[in-house]
Amino acid sequence: MKVTRPSNEAEMIAEFLRQEYASRDRYGARLDACLDAEGVHDRLITEPDLANHDDNAARRRLFGRYRGYGTDEPSYLTGFPTEGVDWFWAGLGRDDVLGVRYIRYSYWTALSAGTRSPAVAAERIHAGTEVYGVSNAGFLDLAERLREGLRVPPLILVTARPLTPDADGLVVLEGHARLTAYALAPEAIPAELDVLLGTSPAIARWDEY
């Protein structure tokens, strides 16, 4: 792994929201409801201006309503540190990507036989294992499209450990399906995969880490 350029919280939030808003079938209704509740237009997500401080603040509020970021409401990012996290863009090699772990969530833990490893999950998917009645067809289809050259948004990763070249301790924050598809089609992983990475010892206190 190598750090390529600095980033920040505002870019992470914009990238996270942009990626999930693009998955309208899964997240569209919830995001639309949050946009309405905040009284903001979807251009805040689809056309982010990171130089606009008011827009960044509005996106942060939207992100809090949507994913619990910086709030006490029970949600995915409740308890994730909102201060002291350093954000970077980094390039990961194939082995680095396959070493990223899933979050500590029941579905991903079950799919990976308790390991939180996408490589283990891929082995089980290839063997026909499904968990909680959820089809693996979406993963297999995405893996095939990756083999055909499909370009997908960057993974967003976090770690509580100091950055080292061996990329130890990385957990995926956004992009679980893409990570699984990469594990199913490792030959489609670029020589250097661009990812957005957040690091802070405080991340270790987040329940999903």
C-alpha atoms as a PDB file:
ATOM      1  CA  MET A   1       0.000   0.000   0.000  1.00  0.00           C
ATOM      2  CA  LYS A   2       1.117   3.527  -0.663  1.00  0.00           C
ATOM      3  CA  VAL A   3      -0.487   6.849   0.182  1.00  0.00           C
ATOM      4  CA  THR A   4      -1.022   8.878  -2.983  1.00  0.00           C
ATOM      5  CA  ARG A   5      -2.649  12.134  -1.844  1.00  0.00           C
ATOM      6  CA  PRO A   6      -4.431  13.675   1.166  1.00  0.00           C
ATOM      7  CA  SER A   7      -8.194  13.803   1.606  1.00  0.00           C
ATOM      8  CA  ASN A   8     -10.555  14.933   4.371  1.00  0.00           C
ATOM      9  CA  GLU A   9     -13.853  14.232   6.084  1.00  0.00           C
ATOM     10  CA  ALA A  10     -15.843  16.351   3.614  1.00  0.00           C
ATOM     11  CA  GLU A  11     -14.615  14.302   0.671  1.00  0.00           C
ATOM     12  CA  MET A  12     -15.304  11.032   2.494  1.00  0.00           C
ATOM     13  CA  ILE A  13     -18.890  12.072   3.229  1.00  0.00           C
ATOM     14  CA  ALA A  14     -19.454  13.263  -0.342  1.00  0.00           C
ATOM     15  CA  GLU A  15     -18.017  10.040  -1.783  1.00  0.00           C
ATOM     16  CA  PHE A  16     -20.016   7.816   0.581  1.00  0.00           C
ATOM     17  CA  LEU A  17     -23.302   9.562  -0.187  1.00  0.00           C
ATOM     18  CA  ARG A  18     -22.605   9.642  -3.925  1.00  0.00           C
ATOM     19  CA  GLN A  19     -21.934   5.915  -4.022  1.00  0.00           C
ATOM     20  CA  GLU A  20     -25.032   4.932  -2.082  1.00  0.00           C
ATOM     21  CA  TYR A  21     -27.276   7.383  -3.935  1.00  0.00           C
ATOM     22  CA  ALA A  22     -26.189   5.672  -7.163  1.00  0.00           C
ATOM     23  CA  SER A  23     -27.616   2.396  -5.781  1.00  0.00           C
ATOM     24  CA  ARG A  24     -31.189   3.624  -5.999  1.00  0.00           C
ATOM     25  CA  ASP A  25     -32.708   0.164  -5.652  1.00  0.00           C
ATOM     26  CA  ARG A  26     -31.120  -0.306  -2.223  1.00  0.00           C
ATOM     27  CA  TYR A  27     -30.717   3.145  -0.724  1.00  0.00           C
ATOM     28  CA  GLY A  28     -32.780   5.554  -2.814  1.00  0.00           C
ATOM     29  CA  ALA A  29     -35.933   5.670  -0.721  1.00  0.00           C
ATOM     30  CA  ARG A  30     -34.054   6.217   2.538  1.00  0.00           C
ATOM     31  CA  LEU A  31     -31.816   8.914   1.067  1.00  0.00           C
ATOM     32  CA  ASP A  32     -34.756  10.688  -0.558  1.00  0.00           C
ATOM     33  CA  ALA A  33     -36.509  10.769   2.812  1.00  0.00           C
ATOM     34  CA  CYS A  34     -33.408  12.229   4.462  1.00  0.00           C
ATOM     35  CA  LEU A  35     -33.038  14.853   1.726  1.00  0.00           C
ATOM     36  CA  ASP A  36     -36.655  15.863   2.235  1.00  0.00           C
ATOM     37  CA  ALA A  37     -36.249  16.014   6.016  1.00  0.00           C
ATOM     38  CA  GLU A  38     -33.191  18.246   5.666  1.00  0.00           C
ATOM     39  CA  GLY A  39     -34.864  20.375   3.002  1.00  0.00           C
ATOM     40  CA  VAL A  40     -31.987  20.053   0.519  1.00  0.00           C
ATOM     41  CA  HIS A  41     -31.781  19.135  -3.172  1.00  0.00           C
ATOM     42  CA  ASP A  42     -30.183  15.915  -4.387  1.00  0.00           C
ATOM     43  CA  ARG A  43     -27.576  18.040  -6.198  1.00  0.00           C
ATOM     44  CA  LEU A  44     -25.911  18.211  -2.781  1.00  0.00           C
ATOM     45  CA  ILE A  45     -25.033  14.543  -3.432  1.00  0.00           C
ATOM     46  CA  THR A  46     -24.836  14.306  -7.202  1.00  0.00           C
ATOM     47  CA  GLU A  47     -22.851  17.525  -7.772  1.00  0.00           C
ATOM     48  CA  PRO A  48     -20.795  18.063  -4.592  1.00  0.00           C
ATOM     49  CA  ASP A  49     -18.741  21.243  -4.325  1.00  0.00           C
ATOM     50  CA  LEU A  50     -16.102  20.496  -1.711  1.00  0.00           C
ATOM     51  CA  ALA A  51     -14.946  24.120  -1.752  1.00  0.00           C
ATOM     52  CA  ASN A  52     -18.358  25.269  -0.496  1.00  0.00           C
ATOM     53  CA  HIS A  53     -18.266  25.168   3.323  1.00  0.00           C
ATOM     54  CA  ASP A  54     -22.040  25.567   3.655  1.00  0.00           C
ATOM     55  CA  ASP A  55     -22.611  22.599   1.337  1.00  0.00           C
ATOM     56  CA  ASN A  56     -20.096  20.521   3.277  1.00  0.00           C
ATOM     57  CA  ALA A  57     -21.908  21.327   6.528  1.00  0.00           C
ATOM     58  CA  ALA A  58     -25.266  20.459   4.969  1.00  0.00           C
ATOM     59  CA  ARG A  59     -23.903  17.143   3.673  1.00  0.00           C
ATOM     60  CA  ARG A  60     -22.530  16.346   7.126  1.00  0.00           C
ATOM     61  CA  ARG A  61     -25.970  16.938   8.665  1.00  0.00           C
ATOM     62  CA  LEU A  62     -27.550  14.799   5.949  1.00  0.00           C
ATOM     63  CA  PHE A  63     -24.994  12.058   6.587  1.00  0.00           C
ATOM     64  CA  GLY A  64     -25.812  12.143  10.285  1.00  0.00           C
ATOM     65  CA  ARG A  65     -29.513  11.732   9.603  1.00  0.00           C
ATOM     66  CA  TYR A  66     -28.881   9.001   7.030  1.00  0.00           C
ATOM     67  CA  ARG A  67     -26.187   6.889   8.721  1.00  0.00           C
ATOM     68  CA  GLY A  68     -26.009   8.166  12.299  1.00  0.00           C
ATOM     69  CA  TYR A  69     -22.646   9.867  11.770  1.00  0.00           C
ATOM     70  CA  GLY A  70     -21.959  12.177  14.703  1.00  0.00           C
ATOM     71  CA  THR A  71     -25.338  11.429  16.334  1.00  0.00           C
ATOM     72  CA  ASP A  72     -26.660   9.239  19.138  1.00  0.00           C
ATOM     73  CA  GLU A  73     -29.339   7.683  16.943  1.00  0.00           C
ATOM     74  CA  PRO A  74     -28.764   3.916  16.551  1.00  0.00           C
ATOM     75  CA  SER A  75     -27.442   3.418  13.032  1.00  0.00           C
ATOM     76  CA  TYR A  76     -24.512   2.068  11.048  1.00  0.00           C
ATOM     77  CA  LEU A  77     -22.029   4.850  11.868  1.00  0.00           C
ATOM     78  CA  THR A  78     -23.184   5.620  15.402  1.00  0.00           C
ATOM     79  CA  GLY A  79     -20.035   5.717  17.506  1.00  0.00           C
ATOM     80  CA  PHE A  80     -17.684   6.187  14.571  1.00  0.00           C
ATOM     81  CA  PRO A  81     -15.168   8.920  15.483  1.00  0.00           C
ATOM     82  CA  THR A  82     -15.903  12.271  13.859  1.00  0.00           C
ATOM     83  CA  GLU A  83     -12.758  13.989  15.105  1.00  0.00           C
ATOM     84  CA  GLY A  84      -9.113  13.088  14.679  1.00  0.00           C
ATOM     85  CA  VAL A  85      -9.491  10.773  11.679  1.00  0.00           C
ATOM     86  CA  ASP A  86      -6.920  11.349   8.944  1.00  0.00           C
ATOM     87  CA  TRP A  87      -8.213  10.673   5.434  1.00  0.00           C
ATOM     88  CA  PHE A  88      -6.015   9.768   2.472  1.00  0.00           C
ATOM     89  CA  TRP A  89      -6.232   8.348  -1.008  1.00  0.00           C
ATOM     90  CA  ALA A  90      -4.052   5.274  -1.288  1.00  0.00           C
ATOM     91  CA  GLY A  91      -3.130   2.603  -3.812  1.00  0.00           C
ATOM     92  CA  LEU A  92      -3.585  -1.040  -2.809  1.00  0.00           C
ATOM     93  CA  GLY A  93      -2.098  -4.082  -4.503  1.00  0.00           C
ATOM     94  CA  ARG A  94      -4.116  -7.245  -5.134  1.00  0.00           C
ATOM     95  CA  ASP A  95      -3.030  -8.971  -1.917  1.00  0.00           C
ATOM     96  CA  ASP A  96      -3.812  -5.812   0.053  1.00  0.00           C
ATOM     97  CA  VAL A  97      -7.344  -5.721  -1.366  1.00  0.00           C
ATOM     98  CA  LEU A  98      -7.971  -9.378  -0.581  1.00  0.00           C
ATOM     99  CA  GLY A  99      -6.754  -8.773   2.973  1.00  0.00           C
ATOM    100  CA  VAL A 100      -9.383  -6.109   3.718  1.00  0.00           C
ATOM    101  CA  ARG A 101     -11.996  -7.348   6.206  1.00  0.00           C
ATOM    102  CA  TYR A 102     -15.745  -6.849   6.301  1.00  0.00           C
ATOM    103  CA  ILE A 103     -17.358  -4.833   9.090  1.00  0.00           C
ATOM    104  CA  ARG A 104     -18.544  -6.720  12.165  1.00  0.00           C
ATOM    105  CA  TYR A 105     -22.070  -7.312  10.875  1.00  0.00           C
ATOM    106  CA  SER A 106     -24.064 -10.532  11.043  1.00  0.00           C
ATOM    107  CA  TYR A 107     -24.578 -11.061   7.298  1.00  0.00           C
ATOM    108  CA  TRP A 108     -20.946 -10.504   6.316  1.00  0.00           C
ATOM    109  CA  THR A 109     -19.706 -12.515   9.270  1.00  0.00           C
ATOM    110  CA  ALA A 110     -21.946 -15.439   8.319  1.00  0.00           C
ATOM    111  CA  LEU A 111     -21.075 -15.247   4.620  1.00  0.00           C
ATOM    112  CA  SER A 112     -17.371 -15.445   5.509  1.00  0.00           C
ATOM    113  CA  ALA A 113     -17.815 -18.275   8.053  1.00  0.00           C
ATOM    114  CA  GLY A 114     -16.898 -15.999  10.954  1.00  0.00           C
ATOM    115  CA  THR A 115     -13.625 -14.763   9.423  1.00  0.00           C
ATOM    116  CA  ARG A 116     -14.827 -11.434   7.939  1.00  0.00           C
ATOM    117  CA  SER A 117     -12.564 -12.292   4.994  1.00  0.00           C
ATOM    118  CA  PRO A 118     -13.888 -11.601   1.475  1.00  0.00           C
ATOM    119  CA  ALA A 119     -11.589 -14.323   0.137  1.00  0.00           C
ATOM    120  CA  VAL A 120     -13.316 -16.889   2.370  1.00  0.00           C
ATOM    121  CA  ALA A 121     -16.700 -15.490   1.390  1.00  0.00           C
ATOM    122  CA  ALA A 122     -15.756 -15.892  -2.280  1.00  0.00           C
ATOM    123  CA  GLU A 123     -14.845 -19.553  -1.734  1.00  0.00           C
ATOM    124  CA  ARG A 124     -18.216 -20.160  -0.093  1.00  0.00           C
ATOM    125  CA  ILE A 125     -20.088 -18.299  -2.833  1.00  0.00           C
ATOM    126  CA  HIS A 126     -18.326 -20.371  -5.505  1.00  0.00           C
ATOM    127  CA  ALA A 127     -19.401 -23.465  -3.547  1.00  0.00           C
ATOM    128  CA  GLY A 128     -23.026 -22.305  -3.665  1.00  0.00           C
ATOM    129  CA  THR A 129     -23.352 -21.271  -0.005  1.00  0.00           C
ATOM    130  CA  GLU A 130     -26.002 -18.638   0.693  1.00  0.00           C
ATOM    131  CA  VAL A 131     -26.815 -17.108   4.079  1.00  0.00           C
ATOM    132  CA  TYR A 132     -30.027 -15.635   5.486  1.00  0.00           C
ATOM    133  CA  GLY A 133     -31.797 -16.544   2.267  1.00  0.00           C
ATOM    134  CA  VAL A 134     -29.940 -13.845   0.314  1.00  0.00           C
ATOM    135  CA  SER A 135     -28.995 -14.747  -3.263  1.00  0.00           C
ATOM    136  CA  ASN A 136     -25.372 -14.475  -4.357  1.00  0.00           C
ATOM    137  CA  ALA A 137     -26.381 -13.677  -7.942  1.00  0.00           C
ATOM    138  CA  GLY A 138     -25.589  -9.979  -7.576  1.00  0.00           C
ATOM    139  CA  PHE A 139     -22.028 -10.696  -6.456  1.00  0.00           C
ATOM    140  CA  LEU A 140     -21.448 -13.165  -9.269  1.00  0.00           C
ATOM    141  CA  ASP A 141     -22.872 -10.784 -11.872  1.00  0.00           C
ATOM    142  CA  LEU A 142     -20.713  -7.909 -10.635  1.00  0.00           C
ATOM    143  CA  ALA A 143     -17.627 -10.139 -10.642  1.00  0.00           C
ATOM    144  CA  GLU A 144     -18.271 -11.061 -14.258  1.00  0.00           C
ATOM    145  CA  ARG A 145     -18.681  -7.417 -15.233  1.00  0.00           C
ATOM    146  CA  LEU A 146     -15.402  -6.605 -13.495  1.00  0.00           C
ATOM    147  CA  ARG A 147     -13.721  -9.260 -15.636  1.00  0.00           C
ATOM    148  CA  GLU A 148     -15.210  -7.533 -18.678  1.00  0.00           C
ATOM    149  CA  GLY A 149     -13.620  -4.224 -17.663  1.00  0.00           C
ATOM    150  CA  LEU A 150     -16.321  -2.489 -15.640  1.00  0.00           C
ATOM    151  CA  ARG A 151     -15.003   0.468 -13.648  1.00  0.00           C
ATOM    152  CA  VAL A 152     -16.567   0.865 -10.207  1.00  0.00           C
ATOM    153  CA  PRO A 153     -16.374   3.583  -7.524  1.00  0.00           C
ATOM    154  CA  PRO A 154     -13.484   3.404  -5.052  1.00  0.00           C
ATOM    155  CA  LEU A 155     -13.756   1.446  -1.829  1.00  0.00           C
ATOM    156  CA  ILE A 156     -13.826   3.477   1.378  1.00  0.00           C
ATOM    157  CA  LEU A 157     -11.705   1.783   4.046  1.00  0.00           C
ATOM    158  CA  VAL A 158     -10.723   2.486   7.654  1.00  0.00           C
ATOM    159  CA  THR A 159      -8.090   1.283  10.082  1.00  0.00           C
ATOM    160  CA  ALA A 160      -7.265   1.853  13.724  1.00  0.00           C
ATOM    161  CA  ARG A 161      -3.622   0.961  13.110  1.00  0.00           C
ATOM    162  CA  PRO A 162      -0.750   3.133  11.902  1.00  0.00           C
ATOM    163  CA  LEU A 163      -0.339   3.128   8.142  1.00  0.00           C
ATOM    164  CA  THR A 164       2.236   0.577   7.017  1.00  0.00           C
ATOM    165  CA  PRO A 165       3.186  -0.765   3.580  1.00  0.00           C
ATOM    166  CA  ASP A 166       1.595  -4.150   4.365  1.00  0.00           C
ATOM    167  CA  ALA A 167      -1.869  -2.551   4.760  1.00  0.00           C
ATOM    168  CA  ASP A 168      -2.648  -4.527   7.917  1.00  0.00           C
ATOM    169  CA  GLY A 169      -5.951  -4.041   9.745  1.00  0.00           C
ATOM    170  CA  LEU A 170      -8.067  -2.507   6.966  1.00  0.00           C
ATOM    171  CA  VAL A 171     -11.868  -2.742   7.230  1.00  0.00           C
ATOM    172  CA  VAL A 172     -14.309  -1.727   4.505  1.00  0.00           C
ATOM    173  CA  LEU A 173     -16.586   1.189   5.416  1.00  0.00           C
ATOM    174  CA  GLU A 174     -18.416   1.411   2.073  1.00  0.00           C
ATOM    175  CA  GLY A 175     -18.227  -1.031  -0.812  1.00  0.00           C
ATOM    176  CA  HIS A 176     -18.897  -4.500   0.604  1.00  0.00           C
ATOM    177  CA  ALA A 177     -20.466  -5.815  -2.589  1.00  0.00           C
ATOM    178  CA  ARG A 178     -17.577  -4.494  -4.708  1.00  0.00           C
ATOM    179  CA  LEU A 179     -15.035  -5.997  -2.316  1.00  0.00           C
ATOM    180  CA  THR A 180     -16.817  -9.353  -2.547  1.00  0.00           C
ATOM    181  CA  ALA A 181     -16.868  -9.167  -6.339  1.00  0.00           C
ATOM    182  CA  TYR A 182     -13.134  -8.405  -6.386  1.00  0.00           C
ATOM    183  CA  ALA A 183     -12.563 -11.504  -4.247  1.00  0.00           C
ATOM    184  CA  LEU A 184     -14.626 -13.546  -6.712  1.00  0.00           C
ATOM    185  CA  ALA A 185     -12.616 -12.147  -9.642  1.00  0.00           C
ATOM    186  CA  PRO A 186      -9.156 -11.314  -8.232  1.00  0.00           C
ATOM    187  CA  GLU A 187      -7.701 -11.225 -11.729  1.00  0.00           C
ATOM    188  CA  ALA A 188      -9.797  -8.092 -12.315  1.00  0.00           C
ATOM    189  CA  ILE A 189      -8.179  -6.159  -9.449  1.00  0.00           C
ATOM    190  CA  PRO A 190      -5.908  -3.466 -10.921  1.00  0.00           C
ATOM    191  CA  ALA A 191      -2.200  -3.542 -10.122  1.00  0.00           C
ATOM    192  CA  GLU A 192      -2.899  -0.510  -7.924  1.00  0.00           C
ATOM    193  CA  LEU A 193      -6.476   0.003  -6.770  1.00  0.00           C
ATOM    194  CA  ASP A 194      -7.331   3.558  -5.703  1.00  0.00           C
ATOM    195  CA  VAL A 195      -9.135   3.634  -2.330  1.00  0.00           C
ATOM    196  CA  LEU A 196     -10.173   6.285   0.183  1.00  0.00           C
ATOM    197  CA  LEU A 197      -8.726   5.447   3.583  1.00  0.00           C
ATOM    198  CA  GLY A 198      -9.362   6.818   7.073  1.00  0.00           C
ATOM    199  CA  THR A 199      -7.050   6.124   9.993  1.00  0.00           C
ATOM    200  CA  SER A 200      -7.258   6.816  13.730  1.00  0.00           C
ATOM    201  CA  PRO A 201      -6.720   4.735  16.882  1.00  0.00           C
ATOM    202  CA  ALA A 202     -10.214   5.854  17.934  1.00  0.00           C
ATOM    203  CA  ILE A 203     -11.746   3.723  15.153  1.00  0.00           C
ATOM    204  CA  ALA A 204     -11.012   0.678  17.322  1.00  0.00           C
ATOM    205  CA  ARG A 205     -13.871   1.791  19.602  1.00  0.00           C
ATOM    206  CA  TRP A 206     -16.425   1.683  16.764  1.00  0.00           C
ATOM    207  CA  ASP A 207     -18.588  -1.408  17.262  1.00  0.00           C
ATOM    208  CA  GLU A 208     -18.436  -2.447  13.604  1.00  0.00           C
ATOM    209  CA  TYR A 209     -14.612  -2.416  13.472  1.00  0.00           C
END
